[in-house]
Amino acid sequence: MKKIAIIVAGGKGTRIGGPVPKQFQLLRGKPVIWHSIKAFVSAYKDIDIVLVVPVDHIEKGKEIIAEFPSQKIQVTEGGETRFQSVKNGLKDIEAGTLVFVHDAVRCLVTPALIQRCGNAALKKGNAVPAVAATDTIRIETNSGNELIDRNKVKMIQTPQVFPADILKKAFDQPYSENFTDEATVVETSGISIELVKGEKTNIKITTPIDLMIAEKMLQGWC
């Protein structure tokens, strides 16, 4: 089955501070996005990639993908929301394609996890990586807060993998603020979500300390 990764880097990344969005910050001399692309290229030599970036960073995106001359990669414009950015990335994808949607700022994703998600999606119909919560979890209630069983709590990651026809149909729905990832969009369309084992190291770069952690982790890997 044909495989396409939509690597979503359409956000402004304001929480990390500074003039450069987090997806373009450097890790070991390469932009965060570069590391995500590299992981997918390493996982599947035949995978195509759609890189979704903010409209004012299209040229920067083109500079980054130029470092992968043997790979079929296109750059497309992001939207105001993640939902719209993914929908933009889906526009030209045909039915019969397995689609991996990945947060560009999860730049420590491993080829092994990408392959595990791909294989699980082929067997189960979709695949969403998740890891168990390790902290004590309390939830706010009308009367205060209460403890919940952390063994039942899963922290969701990407890549989230779906057949193109299911994903495109789901994204034809009107936008809702509850659509925090592709799994919530697909689930709202009536499809059950299949969880697979994620990786604790598959962190999302959000704050400066995340960038520092990622730098240290890459030093140990490279």
C-alpha atoms as a PDB file:
ATOM      1  CA  MET A   1       0.000   0.000   0.000  1.00  0.00           C
ATOM      2  CA  LYS A   2       1.240   3.492  -0.823  1.00  0.00           C
ATOM      3  CA  LYS A   3       2.375   5.451   2.225  1.00  0.00           C
ATOM      4  CA  ILE A   4       2.301   9.201   2.817  1.00  0.00           C
ATOM      5  CA  ALA A   5       3.329  11.116   5.935  1.00  0.00           C
ATOM      6  CA  ILE A   6       1.734  14.466   6.687  1.00  0.00           C
ATOM      7  CA  ILE A   7       4.223  16.202   8.952  1.00  0.00           C
ATOM      8  CA  VAL A   8       2.369  19.051  10.602  1.00  0.00           C
ATOM      9  CA  ALA A   9       4.425  22.137  11.392  1.00  0.00           C
ATOM     10  CA  GLY A  10       1.774  24.776  10.830  1.00  0.00           C
ATOM     11  CA  GLY A  11       1.768  26.368  14.277  1.00  0.00           C
ATOM     12  CA  LYS A  12       3.467  29.556  15.450  1.00  0.00           C
ATOM     13  CA  GLY A  13       5.212  27.867  18.375  1.00  0.00           C
ATOM     14  CA  THR A  14       4.939  30.956  20.589  1.00  0.00           C
ATOM     15  CA  ARG A  15       5.366  29.157  23.920  1.00  0.00           C
ATOM     16  CA  ILE A  16       9.022  28.455  23.249  1.00  0.00           C
ATOM     17  CA  GLY A  17       9.783  32.171  22.946  1.00  0.00           C
ATOM     18  CA  GLY A  18      11.926  34.107  20.476  1.00  0.00           C
ATOM     19  CA  PRO A  19      11.353  35.045  16.834  1.00  0.00           C
ATOM     20  CA  VAL A  20      11.846  31.515  15.441  1.00  0.00           C
ATOM     21  CA  PRO A  21       8.925  29.027  15.750  1.00  0.00           C
ATOM     22  CA  LYS A  22       9.857  25.856  17.631  1.00  0.00           C
ATOM     23  CA  GLN A  23       9.635  23.658  14.530  1.00  0.00           C
ATOM     24  CA  PHE A  24      12.506  25.658  12.984  1.00  0.00           C
ATOM     25  CA  GLN A  25      14.719  25.794  16.085  1.00  0.00           C
ATOM     26  CA  LEU A  26      18.040  23.994  15.704  1.00  0.00           C
ATOM     27  CA  LEU A  27      18.916  20.662  17.283  1.00  0.00           C
ATOM     28  CA  ARG A  28      22.480  19.505  16.661  1.00  0.00           C
ATOM     29  CA  GLY A  29      22.679  22.009  13.828  1.00  0.00           C
ATOM     30  CA  LYS A  30      19.506  20.924  12.044  1.00  0.00           C
ATOM     31  CA  PRO A  31      15.930  22.293  12.303  1.00  0.00           C
ATOM     32  CA  VAL A  32      13.517  20.307  14.452  1.00  0.00           C
ATOM     33  CA  ILE A  33      11.491  19.508  11.308  1.00  0.00           C
ATOM     34  CA  TRP A  34      14.552  17.973   9.646  1.00  0.00           C
ATOM     35  CA  HIS A  35      14.841  15.334  12.361  1.00  0.00           C
ATOM     36  CA  SER A  36      11.190  14.330  11.938  1.00  0.00           C
ATOM     37  CA  ILE A  37      11.579  14.012   8.173  1.00  0.00           C
ATOM     38  CA  LYS A  38      14.756  11.972   8.646  1.00  0.00           C
ATOM     39  CA  ALA A  39      12.927   9.486  10.899  1.00  0.00           C
ATOM     40  CA  PHE A  40      10.235   8.804   8.292  1.00  0.00           C
ATOM     41  CA  VAL A  41      12.761   8.492   5.471  1.00  0.00           C
ATOM     42  CA  SER A  42      14.705   6.011   7.609  1.00  0.00           C
ATOM     43  CA  ALA A  43      11.550   4.025   8.394  1.00  0.00           C
ATOM     44  CA  TYR A  44      10.317   3.714   4.794  1.00  0.00           C
ATOM     45  CA  LYS A  45      12.441   4.467   1.757  1.00  0.00           C
ATOM     46  CA  ASP A  46       9.298   4.607  -0.412  1.00  0.00           C
ATOM     47  CA  ILE A  47       7.238   6.979   1.731  1.00  0.00           C
ATOM     48  CA  ASP A  48       6.071  10.311   0.290  1.00  0.00           C
ATOM     49  CA  ILE A  49       5.882  13.321   2.589  1.00  0.00           C
ATOM     50  CA  VAL A  50       3.662  16.377   2.799  1.00  0.00           C
ATOM     51  CA  LEU A  51       5.212  19.063   4.985  1.00  0.00           C
ATOM     52  CA  VAL A  52       2.672  21.560   6.316  1.00  0.00           C
ATOM     53  CA  VAL A  53       4.198  24.884   7.399  1.00  0.00           C
ATOM     54  CA  PRO A  54       2.993  28.430   8.132  1.00  0.00           C
ATOM     55  CA  VAL A  55       2.448  30.496   4.987  1.00  0.00           C
ATOM     56  CA  ASP A  56       5.323  32.855   5.835  1.00  0.00           C
ATOM     57  CA  HIS A  57       7.727  29.912   6.213  1.00  0.00           C
ATOM     58  CA  ILE A  58       7.058  28.171   2.896  1.00  0.00           C
ATOM     59  CA  GLU A  59      10.501  29.063   1.540  1.00  0.00           C
ATOM     60  CA  LYS A  60      12.170  27.831   4.733  1.00  0.00           C
ATOM     61  CA  GLY A  61      10.298  24.566   4.357  1.00  0.00           C
ATOM     62  CA  LYS A  62      11.568  24.230   0.790  1.00  0.00           C
ATOM     63  CA  GLU A  63      15.128  24.797   1.986  1.00  0.00           C
ATOM     64  CA  ILE A  64      14.769  21.971   4.507  1.00  0.00           C
ATOM     65  CA  ILE A  65      13.332  19.419   2.081  1.00  0.00           C
ATOM     66  CA  ALA A  66      16.108  20.215  -0.412  1.00  0.00           C
ATOM     67  CA  GLU A  67      18.340  18.153   1.885  1.00  0.00           C
ATOM     68  CA  PHE A  68      16.336  15.066   0.919  1.00  0.00           C
ATOM     69  CA  PRO A  69      16.688  15.153  -2.891  1.00  0.00           C
ATOM     70  CA  SER A  70      15.828  11.480  -3.433  1.00  0.00           C
ATOM     71  CA  GLN A  71      12.550  11.715  -1.497  1.00  0.00           C
ATOM     72  CA  LYS A  72       9.214  12.896  -2.874  1.00  0.00           C
ATOM     73  CA  ILE A  73       8.289  15.768  -0.532  1.00  0.00           C
ATOM     74  CA  GLN A  74       5.945  18.670  -1.094  1.00  0.00           C
ATOM     75  CA  VAL A  75       5.420  21.746   1.060  1.00  0.00           C
ATOM     76  CA  THR A  76       1.910  23.055   1.650  1.00  0.00           C
ATOM     77  CA  GLU A  77       0.432  25.936   3.610  1.00  0.00           C
ATOM     78  CA  GLY A  78      -0.857  25.437   7.132  1.00  0.00           C
ATOM     79  CA  GLY A  79      -4.175  26.696   8.470  1.00  0.00           C
ATOM     80  CA  GLU A  80      -5.381  28.590  11.509  1.00  0.00           C
ATOM     81  CA  THR A  81      -5.912  25.314  13.406  1.00  0.00           C
ATOM     82  CA  ARG A  82      -4.301  21.878  13.421  1.00  0.00           C
ATOM     83  CA  PHE A  83      -7.540  20.556  11.920  1.00  0.00           C
ATOM     84  CA  GLN A  84      -7.249  22.899   8.947  1.00  0.00           C
ATOM     85  CA  SER A  85      -3.528  22.213   8.539  1.00  0.00           C
ATOM     86  CA  VAL A  86      -4.113  18.458   8.327  1.00  0.00           C
ATOM     87  CA  LYS A  87      -7.059  18.988   5.995  1.00  0.00           C
ATOM     88  CA  ASN A  88      -4.804  21.046   3.722  1.00  0.00           C
ATOM     89  CA  GLY A  89      -2.254  18.238   3.766  1.00  0.00           C
ATOM     90  CA  LEU A  90      -4.906  15.666   2.847  1.00  0.00           C
ATOM     91  CA  LYS A  91      -6.190  17.598  -0.164  1.00  0.00           C
ATOM     92  CA  ASP A  92      -4.288  15.763  -2.897  1.00  0.00           C
ATOM     93  CA  ILE A  93      -3.973  12.344  -1.249  1.00  0.00           C
ATOM     94  CA  GLU A  94      -5.792   9.544  -3.058  1.00  0.00           C
ATOM     95  CA  ALA A  95      -7.812   6.645  -1.635  1.00  0.00           C
ATOM     96  CA  GLY A  96      -5.838   3.458  -1.120  1.00  0.00           C
ATOM     97  CA  THR A  97      -3.060   5.321   0.685  1.00  0.00           C
ATOM     98  CA  LEU A  98      -1.920   4.741   4.270  1.00  0.00           C
ATOM     99  CA  VAL A  99      -1.564   8.155   5.886  1.00  0.00           C
ATOM    100  CA  PHE A 100       0.757   8.895   8.817  1.00  0.00           C
ATOM    101  CA  VAL A 101      -0.018  12.226  10.525  1.00  0.00           C
ATOM    102  CA  HIS A 102       2.836  13.403  12.710  1.00  0.00           C
ATOM    103  CA  ASP A 103       3.629  16.446  14.841  1.00  0.00           C
ATOM    104  CA  ALA A 104       6.822  17.921  13.389  1.00  0.00           C
ATOM    105  CA  VAL A 105       7.927  18.852  16.900  1.00  0.00           C
ATOM    106  CA  ARG A 106       7.959  15.193  17.981  1.00  0.00           C
ATOM    107  CA  CYS A 107      11.387  15.069  16.391  1.00  0.00           C
ATOM    108  CA  LEU A 108      12.699  12.164  18.496  1.00  0.00           C
ATOM    109  CA  VAL A 109      10.246   9.688  16.986  1.00  0.00           C
ATOM    110  CA  THR A 110      12.079   6.517  15.981  1.00  0.00           C
ATOM    111  CA  PRO A 111      11.802   4.585  12.720  1.00  0.00           C
ATOM    112  CA  ALA A 112      10.821   1.573  14.842  1.00  0.00           C
ATOM    113  CA  LEU A 113       7.778   3.373  16.254  1.00  0.00           C
ATOM    114  CA  ILE A 114       6.782   4.614  12.797  1.00  0.00           C
ATOM    115  CA  GLN A 115       6.944   1.067  11.453  1.00  0.00           C
ATOM    116  CA  ARG A 116       5.061  -0.332  14.452  1.00  0.00           C
ATOM    117  CA  CYS A 117       2.237   2.145  13.867  1.00  0.00           C
ATOM    118  CA  GLY A 118       2.171   1.383  10.147  1.00  0.00           C
ATOM    119  CA  ASN A 119       2.020  -2.372  10.678  1.00  0.00           C
ATOM    120  CA  ALA A 120      -0.676  -2.049  13.345  1.00  0.00           C
ATOM    121  CA  ALA A 121      -2.813   0.174  11.097  1.00  0.00           C
ATOM    122  CA  LEU A 122      -2.649  -2.396   8.294  1.00  0.00           C
ATOM    123  CA  LYS A 123      -3.821  -5.118  10.712  1.00  0.00           C
ATOM    124  CA  LYS A 124      -6.346  -3.201  12.819  1.00  0.00           C
ATOM    125  CA  GLY A 125      -7.575  -0.426  10.520  1.00  0.00           C
ATOM    126  CA  ASN A 126      -5.805   2.427  12.332  1.00  0.00           C
ATOM    127  CA  ALA A 127      -3.101   2.999  14.911  1.00  0.00           C
ATOM    128  CA  VAL A 128      -2.519   5.685  17.524  1.00  0.00           C
ATOM    129  CA  PRO A 129       0.578   5.444  19.764  1.00  0.00           C
ATOM    130  CA  ALA A 130       0.099   5.942  23.485  1.00  0.00           C
ATOM    131  CA  VAL A 131       2.096   5.617  26.686  1.00  0.00           C
ATOM    132  CA  ALA A 132       0.909   5.012  30.234  1.00  0.00           C
ATOM    133  CA  ALA A 133       0.708   7.880  32.694  1.00  0.00           C
ATOM    134  CA  THR A 134       3.307   7.624  35.465  1.00  0.00           C
ATOM    135  CA  ASP A 135       2.303  10.563  37.678  1.00  0.00           C
ATOM    136  CA  THR A 136      -0.554  10.574  40.139  1.00  0.00           C
ATOM    137  CA  ILE A 137      -3.586  11.991  38.305  1.00  0.00           C
ATOM    138  CA  ARG A 138      -6.329  14.132  39.821  1.00  0.00           C
ATOM    139  CA  ILE A 139      -9.269  15.595  37.922  1.00  0.00           C
ATOM    140  CA  GLU A 140     -11.124  18.781  38.848  1.00  0.00           C
ATOM    141  CA  THR A 141     -14.794  18.360  39.759  1.00  0.00           C
ATOM    142  CA  ASN A 142     -17.632  20.712  40.720  1.00  0.00           C
ATOM    143  CA  SER A 143     -16.835  20.078  44.373  1.00  0.00           C
ATOM    144  CA  GLY A 144     -13.046  20.253  44.126  1.00  0.00           C
ATOM    145  CA  ASN A 145     -10.941  17.433  42.695  1.00  0.00           C
ATOM    146  CA  GLU A 146     -10.612  13.677  42.921  1.00  0.00           C
ATOM    147  CA  LEU A 147      -8.078  10.960  42.255  1.00  0.00           C
ATOM    148  CA  ILE A 148      -8.476   8.834  39.143  1.00  0.00           C
ATOM    149  CA  ASP A 149      -6.850   5.525  38.275  1.00  0.00           C
ATOM    150  CA  ARG A 150      -3.699   6.403  36.348  1.00  0.00           C
ATOM    151  CA  ASN A 151      -3.557   2.857  34.976  1.00  0.00           C
ATOM    152  CA  LYS A 152      -6.521   3.789  32.807  1.00  0.00           C
ATOM    153  CA  VAL A 153      -4.945   7.030  31.557  1.00  0.00           C
ATOM    154  CA  LYS A 154      -3.019   7.017  28.283  1.00  0.00           C
ATOM    155  CA  MET A 155      -0.885   9.855  26.933  1.00  0.00           C
ATOM    156  CA  ILE A 156      -1.439  10.113  23.188  1.00  0.00           C
ATOM    157  CA  GLN A 157       1.369  10.630  20.683  1.00  0.00           C
ATOM    158  CA  THR A 158       1.935  10.695  16.939  1.00  0.00           C
ATOM    159  CA  PRO A 159       2.268   9.406  14.237  1.00  0.00           C
ATOM    160  CA  GLN A 160      -1.421   8.558  14.025  1.00  0.00           C
ATOM    161  CA  VAL A 161      -2.088   6.278  11.072  1.00  0.00           C
ATOM    162  CA  PHE A 162      -5.297   5.827   9.056  1.00  0.00           C
ATOM    163  CA  PRO A 163      -6.344   4.798   5.556  1.00  0.00           C
ATOM    164  CA  ALA A 164      -6.816   7.914   3.433  1.00  0.00           C
ATOM    165  CA  ASP A 165     -10.509   7.291   2.732  1.00  0.00           C
ATOM    166  CA  ILE A 166     -11.352   7.115   6.456  1.00  0.00           C
ATOM    167  CA  LEU A 167      -9.265  10.168   7.285  1.00  0.00           C
ATOM    168  CA  LYS A 168     -10.576  12.334   4.445  1.00  0.00           C
ATOM    169  CA  LYS A 169     -14.188  11.448   5.241  1.00  0.00           C
ATOM    170  CA  ALA A 170     -13.613  12.323   8.900  1.00  0.00           C
ATOM    171  CA  PHE A 171     -12.109  15.679   7.968  1.00  0.00           C
ATOM    172  CA  ASP A 172     -15.191  16.560   5.944  1.00  0.00           C
ATOM    173  CA  GLN A 173     -16.934  17.173   9.280  1.00  0.00           C
ATOM    174  CA  PRO A 174     -17.388  20.744  10.522  1.00  0.00           C
ATOM    175  CA  TYR A 175     -14.573  21.845  12.814  1.00  0.00           C
ATOM    176  CA  SER A 176     -14.986  21.422  16.565  1.00  0.00           C
ATOM    177  CA  GLU A 177     -12.765  22.737  19.363  1.00  0.00           C
ATOM    178  CA  ASN A 178     -12.749  19.163  20.692  1.00  0.00           C
ATOM    179  CA  PHE A 179     -10.652  18.061  17.701  1.00  0.00           C
ATOM    180  CA  THR A 180      -7.253  18.034  19.417  1.00  0.00           C
ATOM    181  CA  ASP A 181      -5.763  15.353  17.159  1.00  0.00           C
ATOM    182  CA  GLU A 182      -6.671  13.067  14.262  1.00  0.00           C
ATOM    183  CA  ALA A 183      -7.947  10.334  16.585  1.00  0.00           C
ATOM    184  CA  THR A 184     -10.648  12.613  18.010  1.00  0.00           C
ATOM    185  CA  VAL A 185     -11.718  13.626  14.497  1.00  0.00           C
ATOM    186  CA  VAL A 186     -11.912  10.024  13.269  1.00  0.00           C
ATOM    187  CA  GLU A 187     -13.609   8.804  16.448  1.00  0.00           C
ATOM    188  CA  THR A 188     -16.297  11.479  16.082  1.00  0.00           C
ATOM    189  CA  SER A 189     -16.997  10.115  12.598  1.00  0.00           C
ATOM    190  CA  GLY A 190     -17.885   6.746  14.150  1.00  0.00           C
ATOM    191  CA  ILE A 191     -14.614   4.795  13.918  1.00  0.00           C
ATOM    192  CA  SER A 192     -13.115   3.095  16.992  1.00  0.00           C
ATOM    193  CA  ILE A 193      -9.511   4.016  17.774  1.00  0.00           C
ATOM    194  CA  GLU A 194      -6.804   1.360  18.131  1.00  0.00           C
ATOM    195  CA  LEU A 195      -3.983   2.169  20.539  1.00  0.00           C
ATOM    196  CA  VAL A 196      -0.448   0.844  20.108  1.00  0.00           C
ATOM    197  CA  LYS A 197       2.563   1.105  22.372  1.00  0.00           C
ATOM    198  CA  GLY A 198       4.274   4.474  22.056  1.00  0.00           C
ATOM    199  CA  GLU A 199       7.687   5.582  23.313  1.00  0.00           C
ATOM    200  CA  LYS A 200       8.510   7.674  26.367  1.00  0.00           C
ATOM    201  CA  THR A 201      11.252   9.367  24.363  1.00  0.00           C
ATOM    202  CA  ASN A 202       8.766  10.554  21.725  1.00  0.00           C
ATOM    203  CA  ILE A 203       8.376  13.911  23.457  1.00  0.00           C
ATOM    204  CA  LYS A 204       6.747  17.006  22.011  1.00  0.00           C
ATOM    205  CA  ILE A 205       8.924  20.126  21.851  1.00  0.00           C
ATOM    206  CA  THR A 206       6.825  22.852  23.481  1.00  0.00           C
ATOM    207  CA  THR A 207       9.049  24.806  25.869  1.00  0.00           C
ATOM    208  CA  PRO A 208      12.765  25.729  25.988  1.00  0.00           C
ATOM    209  CA  ILE A 209      13.435  22.912  28.478  1.00  0.00           C
ATOM    210  CA  ASP A 210      11.998  20.395  25.987  1.00  0.00           C
ATOM    211  CA  LEU A 211      14.505  21.660  23.445  1.00  0.00           C
ATOM    212  CA  MET A 212      17.327  21.163  25.957  1.00  0.00           C
ATOM    213  CA  ILE A 213      16.162  17.623  26.731  1.00  0.00           C
ATOM    214  CA  ALA A 214      15.928  16.766  23.034  1.00  0.00           C
ATOM    215  CA  GLU A 215      19.443  18.104  22.454  1.00  0.00           C
ATOM    216  CA  LYS A 216      20.832  15.890  25.211  1.00  0.00           C
ATOM    217  CA  MET A 217      18.946  12.851  23.950  1.00  0.00           C
ATOM    218  CA  LEU A 218      20.206  13.348  20.402  1.00  0.00           C
ATOM    219  CA  GLN A 219      23.759  13.611  21.721  1.00  0.00           C
ATOM    220  CA  GLY A 220      23.322  10.122  23.122  1.00  0.00           C
ATOM    221  CA  TRP A 221      21.883   8.750  19.866  1.00  0.00           C
ATOM    222  CA  CYS A 222      24.155  10.325  17.241  1.00  0.00           C
END
